[in-house]
């Protein structure tokens, strides 16, 4: 099978030649097309035209595990769908269900079977129902598989094609430059039918890295991608994609072949009949992260990994200085691209995104505050054998318990301020389910599993959760109600289109502000957030409100006179001052 577009065939052949220079490129091109477009699958005859039409201001995502809500009786995916429909369907357009496949460790990220739904969660019918009602995001865990998977079992037995599916190295190799997010040993010795081998394990010894130097590995993942798409998935998250290509003697991260593979996947998506978004997950310093946009030819969207530690820093220290400096230097997303903005996810608060943006002393003060609020810290190994903080393990709600000076009684207000910033920034906002619910640290989960990240992966008993949400005085009901109120305002504003214009405002360290303007230039929104626990005033002329327009704070309904008196911000108050309301 060959697509009719000569341009597509030329681009695909060039990318395959870059990745696999010794391969039979015409044959590999045919195999690639057959993997992504099997018989009976339609493709576009022309590339999808460039533009920002894959999303708009109404798009907001929730991040959740398939079993974040349980009751011991019903399928968790059924319960999740019920929760979403009953509580957030009016304000949430998409849902990221973290790996819903059979697995052995890392809460789903050590996959044993990419083609099955974990029976403890539900089945493909449950996934299909959610995909019919929300824009569904799934994980393509493509760097590694479980050591208990069929693929790895077949590798150990020496059975083709799996005998060449996994990356092997030697303890004698120079691996000193390898960049890793873990402290465990990189290589694991295993006994195979072909004798002892040392397999590469970037994340854990139960997560064995695949060898993408073998084109059969890439083809297998293209088939898995097609399965996701055929089951309604419309956003595919490339988990740990930065590590997929290895060369001994290098850092084994962000290698040219890795970027070429992402470009190949983007090319396939551009010719897919379904509108599918490609999202890269690369928890690395800012410039490295942004490289996955490519030249509008790699990911449609990248996680804004610098945002969580910088917002945390602002909230803990009562200063927007670092956040504003970073924001001023951030380029607007290119045509057809968008940032994915978040503060919390299933993982901890990564600090690698703050490298080069915050001094070590400031990161150290954040680490201390998180520990004071009941949180934990996960480390990574450095080439010299030392260790550095990799992520802070704490629920975002409990990270807002206070400041570097200690806990206070402004947790609710501080938390809402942090989430309101995420709602207003250029990009697509995503909220972890435990942020929507104001979930506290799960210390029992850590004690039970021995895993730091379990602190932020609580499983709610559904009857208990429904009871808590039915009482408007509980913190969980208060958080969800106000989050929904603010999101409902956001999704009605053209000025909050993910690609609407954005400029950072200079309002002093106490306020973090930026101006958004709708793509049609009809709406302006001045999004301003007091990141301190003290009242702050601002003169209306400081943000150049145009006279003759009717300006209103969308969040409070308060009219703002461009020539009037100073505007007061209560501690952690946010204002979205707009000329369209």
Protein backbone atom coordinates (compact mmCIF):
# COMPACT_ATOMS: atom_id res chain seq x y z
CA UNK A 1 0.00 0.00 0.00
CA UNK A 2 1.29 3.46 -0.93
CA UNK A 3 -0.48 6.71 -0.11
CA UNK A 4 -1.37 8.70 -3.20
CA UNK A 5 0.47 11.80 -2.01
CA UNK A 6 3.98 11.95 -3.50
CA UNK A 7 4.91 14.54 -0.87
CA UNK A 8 3.94 12.16 1.95
CA UNK A 9 5.88 9.27 0.44
CA UNK A 10 8.94 11.46 -0.05
CA UNK A 11 8.86 12.78 3.53
CA UNK A 12 8.28 9.34 5.03
CA UNK A 13 11.15 7.82 3.05
CA UNK A 14 13.48 10.64 4.13
CA UNK A 15 12.62 10.18 7.82
CA UNK A 16 13.05 6.41 7.64
CA UNK A 17 16.41 6.86 5.93
CA UNK A 18 17.50 9.17 8.74
CA UNK A 19 16.47 6.70 11.42
CA UNK A 20 17.43 3.46 9.64
CA UNK A 21 20.07 4.31 7.01
CA UNK A 22 20.91 0.64 6.36
CA UNK A 23 17.32 -0.53 5.86
CA UNK A 24 15.48 -1.31 2.63
CA UNK A 25 13.68 2.06 2.66
CA UNK A 26 11.01 1.33 0.00
CA UNK A 27 10.00 -1.84 1.83
CA UNK A 28 10.13 -0.19 5.24
CA UNK A 29 7.98 2.64 3.93
CA UNK A 30 5.35 0.13 2.81
CA UNK A 31 5.56 -1.66 6.16
CA UNK A 32 5.13 1.64 8.03
CA UNK A 33 2.05 2.58 6.04
CA UNK A 34 0.56 -0.88 6.51
CA UNK A 35 1.19 -0.72 10.28
CA UNK A 36 -0.58 2.62 10.74
CA UNK A 37 -3.20 2.15 8.02
CA UNK A 38 -4.07 -1.55 7.96
CA UNK A 39 -6.50 -2.81 5.36
CA UNK A 40 -9.85 -1.08 5.69
CA UNK A 41 -8.41 2.05 7.32
CA UNK A 42 -8.78 5.37 5.52
CA UNK A 43 -6.17 8.10 5.22
CA UNK A 44 -6.27 11.65 3.95
CA UNK A 45 -5.05 12.31 0.42
CA UNK A 46 -3.56 15.63 1.55
CA UNK A 47 -1.89 16.73 4.76
CA UNK A 48 -4.05 18.29 7.43
CA UNK A 49 -3.77 22.05 6.85
CA UNK A 50 -1.75 23.95 9.46
CA UNK A 51 -3.78 25.89 11.97
CA UNK A 52 -4.95 26.09 15.56
CA UNK A 53 -8.18 24.22 14.92
CA UNK A 54 -7.50 21.09 16.98
CA UNK A 55 -8.55 22.94 20.17
CA UNK A 56 -10.17 26.12 21.44
CA UNK A 57 -11.01 27.91 24.69
CA UNK A 58 -13.59 25.26 25.63
CA UNK A 59 -10.93 22.56 25.95
CA UNK A 60 -9.98 21.63 29.50
CA UNK A 61 -8.61 18.26 30.59
CA UNK A 62 -8.77 16.15 33.73
CA UNK A 63 -5.95 13.71 34.51
CA UNK A 64 -6.90 10.53 36.36
CA UNK A 65 -6.14 6.90 36.90
CA UNK A 66 -8.76 4.43 35.77
CA UNK A 67 -9.17 3.44 39.43
CA UNK A 68 -8.90 6.80 41.18
CA UNK A 69 -12.50 6.11 42.20
CA UNK A 70 -13.51 2.65 43.49
CA UNK A 71 -16.29 1.05 45.48
CA UNK A 72 -15.39 -2.64 45.49
CA UNK A 73 -18.46 -3.51 43.46
CA UNK A 74 -18.57 -1.75 40.10
CA UNK A 75 -15.93 -1.49 37.37
CA UNK A 76 -13.72 1.52 38.18
CA UNK A 77 -13.99 2.84 34.62
CA UNK A 78 -17.77 2.84 34.99
CA UNK A 79 -17.44 4.76 38.26
CA UNK A 80 -15.04 7.23 36.63
CA UNK A 81 -17.48 7.86 33.81
CA UNK A 82 -20.30 8.37 36.30
CA UNK A 83 -18.22 10.83 38.32
CA UNK A 84 -17.25 12.78 35.21
CA UNK A 85 -20.81 12.94 33.92
CA UNK A 86 -22.31 13.87 37.29
CA UNK A 87 -19.73 16.45 38.35
CA UNK A 88 -17.63 17.99 35.58
CA UNK A 89 -19.08 17.25 32.14
CA UNK A 90 -20.22 20.86 31.77
CA UNK A 91 -16.69 22.25 32.17
CA UNK A 92 -14.29 19.42 31.22
CA UNK A 93 -13.96 18.45 27.54
CA UNK A 94 -11.22 15.85 27.77
CA UNK A 95 -9.92 13.15 30.07
CA UNK A 96 -6.47 11.62 30.31
CA UNK A 97 -6.86 8.10 31.67
CA UNK A 98 -3.40 7.03 32.80
CA UNK A 99 -2.25 3.60 31.51
CA UNK A 100 -5.30 1.36 31.52
CA UNK A 101 -3.46 -1.79 30.41
CA UNK A 102 -2.34 -4.85 32.40
CA UNK A 103 0.86 -4.02 34.28
CA UNK A 104 3.22 -5.21 37.00
CA UNK A 105 4.60 -2.02 38.59
CA UNK A 106 4.88 1.78 38.52
CA UNK A 107 1.08 2.14 38.69
CA UNK A 108 0.59 1.16 35.07
CA UNK A 109 3.81 2.24 33.40
CA UNK A 110 5.26 -1.29 33.29
CA UNK A 111 2.87 -2.65 30.67
CA UNK A 112 2.49 -6.38 30.06
CA UNK A 113 -0.03 -6.22 27.19
CA UNK A 114 -0.58 -3.15 25.02
CA UNK A 115 -3.69 -4.54 23.37
CA UNK A 116 -5.82 -5.30 26.41
CA UNK A 117 -7.60 -3.20 29.01
CA UNK A 118 -6.73 -4.10 32.59
CA UNK A 119 -9.64 -6.32 33.64
CA UNK A 120 -9.48 -4.82 37.14
CA UNK A 121 -10.57 -1.52 35.56
CA UNK A 122 -13.03 -2.61 32.88
CA UNK A 123 -12.84 -3.35 29.17
CA UNK A 124 -12.63 -1.70 25.76
CA UNK A 125 -16.39 -1.00 25.84
CA UNK A 126 -15.87 1.17 28.93
CA UNK A 127 -13.06 3.02 27.16
CA UNK A 128 -15.23 3.46 24.07
CA UNK A 129 -18.08 4.97 26.11
CA UNK A 130 -15.80 7.53 27.75
CA UNK A 131 -14.21 8.31 24.37
CA UNK A 132 -17.67 8.98 22.91
CA UNK A 133 -18.37 11.62 25.56
CA UNK A 134 -14.96 13.20 26.18
CA UNK A 135 -11.81 13.85 24.17
CA UNK A 136 -9.80 10.86 25.40
CA UNK A 137 -6.06 10.86 26.00
CA UNK A 138 -4.16 7.58 26.34
CA UNK A 139 -0.55 6.72 27.12
CA UNK A 140 1.84 5.15 24.67
CA UNK A 141 4.46 3.78 27.06
CA UNK A 142 7.03 3.27 24.34
CA UNK A 143 10.41 3.41 26.10
CA UNK A 144 10.02 0.17 28.05
CA UNK A 145 7.79 -2.79 28.86
CA UNK A 146 7.29 -4.94 31.91
CA UNK A 147 9.85 -7.66 32.54
CA UNK A 148 6.81 -9.97 32.87
CA UNK A 149 5.43 -9.09 29.43
CA UNK A 150 5.07 -11.60 26.62
CA UNK A 151 7.58 -9.58 24.61
CA UNK A 152 10.28 -9.91 27.26
CA UNK A 153 9.46 -13.57 27.92
CA UNK A 154 9.91 -14.28 24.22
CA UNK A 155 13.19 -12.34 24.27
CA UNK A 156 14.49 -14.49 27.10
CA UNK A 157 13.57 -17.59 25.09
CA UNK A 158 15.39 -16.24 22.05
CA UNK A 159 12.27 -16.28 19.88
CA UNK A 160 12.19 -13.87 16.91
CA UNK A 161 11.30 -11.10 16.40
CA UNK A 162 11.47 -10.38 20.15
CA UNK A 163 15.06 -11.64 20.43
CA UNK A 164 16.07 -8.22 19.04
CA UNK A 165 13.44 -6.11 20.81
CA UNK A 166 15.46 -5.02 23.88
CA UNK A 167 18.50 -2.81 24.28
CA UNK A 168 21.59 -4.61 25.53
CA UNK A 169 24.83 -3.16 26.87
CA UNK A 170 27.81 -4.27 28.93
CA UNK A 171 28.99 -3.28 32.40
CA UNK A 172 32.30 -2.55 30.69
CA UNK A 173 30.73 0.18 28.52
CA UNK A 174 31.29 3.83 29.37
CA UNK A 175 27.84 4.84 30.62
CA UNK A 176 28.98 7.83 32.67
CA UNK A 177 27.19 10.38 30.44
CA UNK A 178 23.78 8.70 30.56
CA UNK A 179 21.04 11.01 31.88
CA UNK A 180 18.49 9.25 34.07
CA UNK A 181 15.62 10.15 36.40
CA UNK A 182 16.31 7.32 38.86
CA UNK A 183 18.94 6.07 41.30
CA UNK A 184 18.68 2.31 40.57
CA UNK A 185 21.44 0.57 38.61
CA UNK A 186 21.07 1.08 34.85
CA UNK A 187 21.82 -2.47 33.71
CA UNK A 188 20.20 -5.73 34.77
CA UNK A 189 21.73 -9.12 34.09
CA UNK A 190 19.31 -11.73 32.73
CA UNK A 191 19.71 -15.30 31.55
CA UNK A 192 18.52 -15.89 27.99
CA UNK A 193 18.50 -18.86 25.64
CA UNK A 194 21.50 -17.22 23.99
CA UNK A 195 23.40 -16.86 27.25
CA UNK A 196 23.63 -14.09 29.87
CA UNK A 197 22.76 -10.60 28.72
CA UNK A 198 22.71 -7.16 30.34
CA UNK A 199 19.50 -5.27 29.51
CA UNK A 200 19.04 -1.52 29.83
CA UNK A 201 16.57 -0.28 32.46
CA UNK A 202 16.23 3.52 32.50
CA UNK A 203 13.49 3.55 35.15
CA UNK A 204 13.48 0.27 37.08
CA UNK A 205 14.52 -3.36 36.68
CA UNK A 206 10.90 -4.26 35.99
CA UNK A 207 10.81 -1.73 33.11
CA UNK A 208 13.11 -3.02 30.39
CA UNK A 209 14.03 -0.60 27.61
CA UNK A 210 13.14 -1.44 24.03
CA UNK A 211 15.62 -1.16 21.17
CA UNK A 212 14.26 1.21 18.55
CA UNK A 213 17.31 0.52 16.40
CA UNK A 214 15.20 -2.45 15.32
CA UNK A 215 12.51 -1.04 12.99
CA UNK A 216 10.17 -3.86 14.03
CA UNK A 217 9.85 -2.14 17.43
CA UNK A 218 8.68 1.08 15.80
CA UNK A 219 6.24 -0.79 13.55
CA UNK A 220 4.76 -2.60 16.55
CA UNK A 221 4.07 0.71 18.30
CA UNK A 222 2.48 2.16 15.18
CA UNK A 223 0.06 -0.79 15.25
CA UNK A 224 -0.66 -0.08 18.91
CA UNK A 225 -1.27 3.59 18.04
CA UNK A 226 -3.81 2.52 15.43
CA UNK A 227 -5.57 0.36 18.04
CA UNK A 228 -5.84 3.40 20.34
CA UNK A 229 -7.21 5.59 17.56
CA UNK A 230 -9.74 2.97 16.45
CA UNK A 231 -10.99 2.85 20.05
CA UNK A 232 -11.69 6.56 20.14
CA UNK A 233 -8.44 8.00 21.51
CA UNK A 234 -7.84 11.52 20.19
CA UNK A 235 -4.74 12.55 22.17
CA UNK A 236 -1.77 10.20 22.36
CA UNK A 237 0.80 10.91 25.05
CA UNK A 238 4.32 9.71 24.27
CA UNK A 239 5.54 8.66 27.70
CA UNK A 240 9.27 9.09 28.44
CA UNK A 241 9.86 9.63 24.73
CA UNK A 242 13.15 11.49 25.27
CA UNK A 243 14.91 8.25 26.23
CA UNK A 244 13.83 5.91 23.42
CA UNK A 245 17.04 6.00 21.33
CA UNK A 246 20.31 4.95 22.95
CA UNK A 247 23.90 5.06 21.83
CA UNK A 248 26.58 3.92 24.25
CA UNK A 249 28.94 6.78 25.04
CA UNK A 250 26.27 9.47 24.76
CA UNK A 251 23.72 10.98 27.16
CA UNK A 252 21.06 8.67 25.61
CA UNK A 253 18.49 11.47 25.79
CA UNK A 254 17.09 13.70 23.01
CA UNK A 255 19.20 11.99 20.34
CA UNK A 256 18.49 12.98 16.69
CA UNK A 257 16.79 9.68 15.95
CA UNK A 258 14.34 10.31 18.81
CA UNK A 259 13.24 13.58 17.24
CA UNK A 260 13.05 11.91 13.82
CA UNK A 261 10.71 9.24 15.24
CA UNK A 262 8.45 11.94 16.70
CA UNK A 263 8.45 13.70 13.31
CA UNK A 264 7.51 10.42 11.64
CA UNK A 265 4.57 9.96 14.00
CA UNK A 266 3.47 13.56 13.42
CA UNK A 267 3.61 12.98 9.65
CA UNK A 268 1.33 9.98 10.00
CA UNK A 269 -1.06 11.99 12.19
CA UNK A 270 -1.14 14.81 9.63
CA UNK A 271 -2.43 12.35 7.03
CA UNK A 272 -4.76 10.47 9.39
CA UNK A 273 -8.46 10.89 8.71
CA UNK A 274 -9.02 11.25 12.49
CA UNK A 275 -7.97 14.52 14.20
CA UNK A 276 -5.43 13.14 16.68
CA UNK A 277 -3.12 15.26 18.84
CA UNK A 278 0.44 14.11 19.54
CA UNK A 279 1.66 15.08 23.03
CA UNK A 280 5.22 14.55 24.30
CA UNK A 281 6.03 13.94 27.96
CA UNK A 282 9.60 15.15 28.57
CA UNK A 283 10.32 16.16 32.17
CA UNK A 284 13.54 18.01 31.37
CA UNK A 285 14.86 21.59 31.47
CA UNK A 286 12.80 24.15 29.58
CA UNK A 287 14.83 24.54 26.36
CA UNK A 288 15.11 20.76 25.93
CA UNK A 289 11.37 20.40 26.48
CA UNK A 290 10.47 23.04 23.89
CA UNK A 291 12.63 21.29 21.28
CA UNK A 292 9.84 18.70 20.89
CA UNK A 293 7.72 21.21 19.01
CA UNK A 294 10.35 20.90 16.28
CA UNK A 295 9.65 23.24 13.40
CA UNK A 296 5.89 22.75 13.65
CA UNK A 297 6.59 19.14 12.61
CA UNK A 298 6.96 17.23 15.88
CA UNK A 299 4.53 17.29 18.82
CA UNK A 300 1.30 19.23 18.58
CA UNK A 301 1.59 19.82 22.32
CA UNK A 302 4.24 19.58 25.05
CA UNK A 303 3.85 19.51 28.81
CA UNK A 304 4.83 22.87 30.29
CA UNK A 305 7.15 21.23 32.83
CA UNK A 306 8.68 24.47 34.12
CA UNK A 307 5.29 25.80 35.19
CA UNK A 308 4.60 23.61 38.30
CA UNK A 309 7.87 24.33 40.17
CA UNK A 310 7.74 28.03 39.25
CA UNK A 311 4.15 28.44 40.45
CA UNK A 312 5.06 26.53 43.60
CA UNK A 313 8.01 28.86 44.12
CA UNK A 314 5.81 31.92 43.66
CA UNK A 315 3.22 30.69 46.13
CA UNK A 316 5.70 29.58 48.77
CA UNK A 317 7.78 32.75 48.57
CA UNK A 318 5.16 35.38 47.78
CA UNK A 319 7.00 36.64 44.71
CA UNK A 320 6.30 36.41 41.00
CA UNK A 321 9.85 37.36 40.00
CA UNK A 322 11.06 33.96 38.73
CA UNK A 323 7.68 33.10 37.21
CA UNK A 324 7.51 36.43 35.38
CA UNK A 325 11.10 36.23 34.09
CA UNK A 326 10.45 32.78 32.70
CA UNK A 327 7.12 33.77 31.18
CA UNK A 328 8.61 36.79 29.43
CA UNK A 329 11.19 34.54 27.77
CA UNK A 330 8.71 31.87 26.68
CA UNK A 331 7.99 31.92 22.95
CA UNK A 332 4.37 31.72 21.84
CA UNK A 333 3.53 28.24 20.60
CA UNK A 334 3.94 27.88 16.87
CA UNK A 335 1.02 27.52 14.47
CA UNK A 336 -0.73 24.24 15.14
CA UNK A 337 1.02 23.79 18.51
CA UNK A 338 -0.01 24.41 22.12
CA UNK A 339 1.43 24.13 25.61
CA UNK A 340 -0.22 21.76 28.07
CA UNK A 341 -0.37 23.68 31.35
CA UNK A 342 -0.69 21.94 34.71
CA UNK A 343 0.52 22.05 38.29
CA UNK A 344 -0.17 18.51 39.47
CA UNK A 345 -0.20 15.12 37.81
CA UNK A 346 0.05 11.48 38.84
CA UNK A 347 3.77 12.05 39.37
CA UNK A 348 5.28 14.48 41.82
CA UNK A 349 6.16 18.11 41.16
CA UNK A 350 9.21 17.77 38.91
CA UNK A 351 12.06 20.15 39.63
CA UNK A 352 14.09 19.49 36.48
CA UNK A 353 11.94 22.06 34.70
CA UNK A 354 13.27 24.68 37.13
CA UNK A 355 16.93 24.00 36.31
CA UNK A 356 18.53 27.23 35.15
CA UNK A 357 15.47 29.17 36.31
CA UNK A 358 15.79 28.84 40.08
CA UNK A 359 19.06 28.70 42.07
CA UNK A 360 19.74 25.56 44.09
CA UNK A 361 19.17 27.49 47.31
CA UNK A 362 15.62 28.37 46.23
CA UNK A 363 14.93 24.77 45.24
CA UNK A 364 16.29 23.75 48.63
CA UNK A 365 13.81 26.03 50.39
CA UNK A 366 10.98 24.49 48.37
CA UNK A 367 12.15 21.01 49.37
CA UNK A 368 12.12 22.03 53.03
CA UNK A 369 8.63 23.54 52.81
CA UNK A 370 7.24 20.45 51.08
CA UNK A 371 8.70 18.24 53.80
CA UNK A 372 7.22 20.54 56.43
CA UNK A 373 3.81 20.05 54.80
CA UNK A 374 4.10 16.26 55.00
CA UNK A 375 5.59 15.71 51.54
CA UNK A 376 8.51 13.58 50.36
CA UNK A 377 11.37 14.04 47.89
CA UNK A 378 12.57 11.65 45.17
CA UNK A 379 16.15 11.83 43.96
CA UNK A 380 18.03 11.09 40.74
CA UNK A 381 21.61 9.96 40.22
CA UNK A 382 24.17 12.33 38.70
CA UNK A 383 27.10 11.20 36.51
CA UNK A 384 29.54 11.86 39.40
CA UNK A 385 27.59 9.52 41.67
CA UNK A 386 25.88 12.26 43.67
CA UNK A 387 22.13 12.69 43.93
CA UNK A 388 19.84 15.66 43.30
CA UNK A 389 16.12 16.23 43.89
CA UNK A 390 14.12 15.02 40.90
CA UNK A 391 10.58 15.59 42.10
CA UNK A 392 8.62 16.65 45.15
CA UNK A 393 6.02 14.10 46.23
CA UNK A 394 2.98 15.79 47.71
CA UNK A 395 -0.58 16.54 46.66
CA UNK A 396 -0.80 20.02 45.19
CA UNK A 397 -3.51 20.94 47.68
CA UNK A 398 -1.23 20.13 50.63
CA UNK A 399 1.69 21.89 48.92
CA UNK A 400 -0.43 25.04 49.34
CA UNK A 401 -0.68 24.65 53.15
CA UNK A 402 1.51 27.67 53.74
CA UNK A 403 4.67 29.46 52.69
CA UNK A 404 8.37 29.02 53.37
CA UNK A 405 7.58 30.55 56.77
CA UNK A 406 5.26 27.66 57.64
CA UNK A 407 1.57 26.68 57.50
CA UNK A 408 -1.20 29.29 57.73
CA UNK A 409 -4.97 29.53 57.26
CA UNK A 410 -4.91 30.56 53.57
CA UNK A 411 -4.51 27.13 51.98
CA UNK A 412 -7.83 27.30 50.08
CA UNK A 413 -7.16 30.78 48.66
CA UNK A 414 -3.54 29.99 47.78
CA UNK A 415 -4.56 26.77 46.04
CA UNK A 416 -7.24 28.52 43.95
CA UNK A 417 -4.80 31.23 42.92
CA UNK A 418 -2.35 28.62 41.65
CA UNK A 419 -5.04 26.87 39.60
CA UNK A 420 -6.46 30.12 38.24
CA UNK A 421 -3.05 30.96 36.78
CA UNK A 422 -3.12 27.63 34.93
CA UNK A 423 -6.59 28.39 33.58
CA UNK A 424 -5.55 31.75 32.17
CA UNK A 425 -2.13 31.10 30.59
CA UNK A 426 -1.58 30.50 26.90
CA UNK A 427 -2.13 26.78 26.31
CA UNK A 428 -4.45 23.94 27.24
CA UNK A 429 -5.19 23.63 30.98
CA UNK A 430 -5.14 20.18 32.61
CA UNK A 431 -6.16 19.40 36.19
CA UNK A 432 -5.33 16.26 38.15
CA UNK A 433 -8.46 14.72 39.66
CA UNK A 434 -7.01 15.12 43.17
CA UNK A 435 -6.60 18.84 42.57
CA UNK A 436 -10.24 19.11 41.54
CA UNK A 437 -11.15 17.36 44.78
CA UNK A 438 -8.69 18.98 47.20
CA UNK A 439 -7.31 15.58 48.17
CA UNK A 440 -4.75 15.58 51.03
CA UNK A 441 -1.55 13.55 51.22
CA UNK A 442 -2.11 9.79 51.26
CA UNK A 443 0.49 8.69 53.81
CA UNK A 444 -1.22 5.32 54.19
CA UNK A 445 -0.65 4.68 50.49
CA UNK A 446 3.06 5.38 50.86
CA UNK A 447 3.31 3.08 53.87
CA UNK A 448 1.44 0.32 52.03
CA UNK A 449 3.43 0.49 48.78
CA UNK A 450 6.77 1.91 49.85
CA UNK A 451 6.52 4.27 46.85
CA UNK A 452 6.83 8.03 47.38
CA UNK A 453 4.49 8.81 44.49
CA UNK A 454 1.63 6.97 46.21
CA UNK A 455 1.20 10.07 48.38
CA UNK A 456 -0.50 11.72 45.39
CA UNK A 457 -2.38 8.68 44.06
CA UNK A 458 -5.22 8.27 46.55
CA UNK A 459 -8.08 6.00 45.58
CA UNK A 460 -11.38 7.49 46.63
CA UNK A 461 -14.13 5.23 47.91
CA UNK A 462 -16.99 6.46 45.73
CA UNK A 463 -19.74 6.45 48.40
CA UNK A 464 -17.41 8.39 50.72
CA UNK A 465 -16.55 10.85 47.96
CA UNK A 466 -20.19 11.40 47.00
CA UNK A 467 -21.07 12.02 50.62
CA UNK A 468 -18.25 14.56 50.92
CA UNK A 469 -19.28 16.37 47.74
CA UNK A 470 -22.93 16.46 48.84
CA UNK A 471 -21.98 18.56 51.88
CA UNK A 472 -21.12 22.09 50.62
CA UNK A 473 -19.10 22.77 53.78
CA UNK A 474 -16.45 20.09 53.16
CA UNK A 475 -13.18 21.25 51.68
CA UNK A 476 -13.64 18.79 48.80
CA UNK A 477 -17.02 20.25 47.84
CA UNK A 478 -15.70 23.82 48.21
CA UNK A 479 -12.68 23.14 46.00
CA UNK A 480 -14.67 21.38 43.28
CA UNK A 481 -17.41 24.02 43.26
CA UNK A 482 -15.04 26.96 42.92
CA UNK A 483 -12.83 25.18 40.37
CA UNK A 484 -15.91 24.46 38.28
CA UNK A 485 -17.11 28.05 38.59
CA UNK A 486 -13.83 29.47 37.38
CA UNK A 487 -13.44 26.94 34.57
CA UNK A 488 -17.01 27.66 33.44
CA UNK A 489 -16.07 31.34 33.13
CA UNK A 490 -12.85 30.51 31.33
CA UNK A 491 -14.38 28.35 28.62
CA UNK A 492 -16.69 31.18 27.53
CA UNK A 493 -13.85 33.62 26.77
CA UNK A 494 -12.35 33.86 23.28
CA UNK A 495 -9.41 35.59 24.92
CA UNK A 496 -8.49 32.29 26.54
CA UNK A 497 -8.12 30.36 23.29
CA UNK A 498 -4.95 28.27 23.78
CA UNK A 499 -3.21 30.32 21.07
CA UNK A 500 -4.61 33.77 21.90
CA UNK A 501 -1.96 36.47 22.19
CA UNK A 502 -0.16 36.76 25.52
CA UNK A 503 2.13 39.44 26.96
CA UNK A 504 3.58 39.48 30.47
CA UNK A 505 2.74 42.55 32.57
CA UNK A 506 5.21 44.37 34.83
CA UNK A 507 3.28 44.89 38.05
CA UNK A 508 5.86 44.23 40.74
CA UNK A 509 6.73 41.03 42.56
CA UNK A 510 3.44 40.71 44.45
CA UNK A 511 1.32 40.36 41.31
CA UNK A 512 1.71 37.92 38.44
CA UNK A 513 -0.12 39.32 35.45
CA UNK A 514 -0.40 38.92 31.72
CA UNK A 515 -2.58 40.22 28.93
CA UNK A 516 -4.50 37.86 26.63
CA UNK A 517 -6.13 38.98 23.40
CA UNK A 518 -8.49 36.83 21.34
CA UNK A 519 -7.35 35.74 17.89
CA UNK A 520 -9.98 38.05 16.32
CA UNK A 521 -8.69 40.90 18.57
CA UNK A 522 -12.14 41.64 19.94
CA UNK A 523 -11.54 40.56 23.54
CA UNK A 524 -8.80 41.60 25.91
CA UNK A 525 -8.32 39.96 29.31
CA UNK A 526 -5.89 41.20 31.91
CA UNK A 527 -5.29 38.14 34.10
CA UNK A 528 -3.73 39.33 37.37
CA UNK A 529 -2.99 37.21 40.43
CA UNK A 530 -1.88 38.25 43.90
CA UNK A 531 0.71 35.61 44.86
CA UNK A 532 1.10 36.93 48.41
CA UNK A 533 -0.76 36.56 51.70
CA UNK A 534 -1.10 40.33 51.99
CA UNK A 535 -3.58 42.72 50.33
CA UNK A 536 -2.15 44.47 47.27
CA UNK A 537 -3.40 47.52 45.37
CA UNK A 538 -2.98 48.35 41.69
CA UNK A 539 -3.79 51.51 39.78
CA UNK A 540 -6.03 50.78 36.74
CA UNK A 541 -3.74 52.86 34.52
CA UNK A 542 -0.92 50.39 35.26
CA UNK A 543 -2.46 47.99 32.76
CA UNK A 544 -3.55 50.55 30.15
CA UNK A 545 -7.28 49.89 30.17
CA UNK A 546 -8.71 51.54 27.07
CA UNK A 547 -11.11 54.37 27.86
CA UNK A 548 -14.63 54.13 26.48
CA UNK A 549 -14.73 50.37 27.05
CA UNK A 550 -16.72 48.69 29.79
CA UNK A 551 -14.22 46.71 31.88
CA UNK A 552 -15.36 44.01 34.30
CA UNK A 553 -13.58 41.50 36.51
CA UNK A 554 -15.01 38.27 35.13
CA UNK A 555 -14.35 36.41 38.38
CA UNK A 556 -16.06 38.80 40.78
CA UNK A 557 -18.42 40.69 38.46
CA UNK A 558 -16.95 43.98 39.73
CA UNK A 559 -16.79 46.88 37.27
CA UNK A 560 -13.31 48.38 36.83
CA UNK A 561 -13.09 52.08 35.94
CA UNK A 562 -9.98 52.85 33.82
CA UNK A 563 -9.81 56.29 35.48
CA UNK A 564 -11.03 55.19 38.88
CA UNK A 565 -9.43 54.47 42.20
CA UNK A 566 -6.85 51.80 42.86
CA UNK A 567 -8.05 48.20 42.63
CA UNK A 568 -7.48 46.11 45.75
CA UNK A 569 -6.49 42.43 45.63
CA UNK A 570 -7.18 40.41 48.75
CA UNK A 571 -4.56 37.76 49.66
CA UNK A 572 -4.25 35.38 46.67
CA UNK A 573 -7.14 37.06 44.86
CA UNK A 574 -7.24 36.72 41.09
CA UNK A 575 -8.91 39.06 38.63
CA UNK A 576 -9.69 38.56 34.96
CA UNK A 577 -10.38 42.12 33.81
CA UNK A 578 -12.04 42.08 30.38
CA UNK A 579 -13.80 44.34 27.91
CA UNK A 580 -16.13 41.51 26.82
CA UNK A 581 -18.31 39.81 29.38
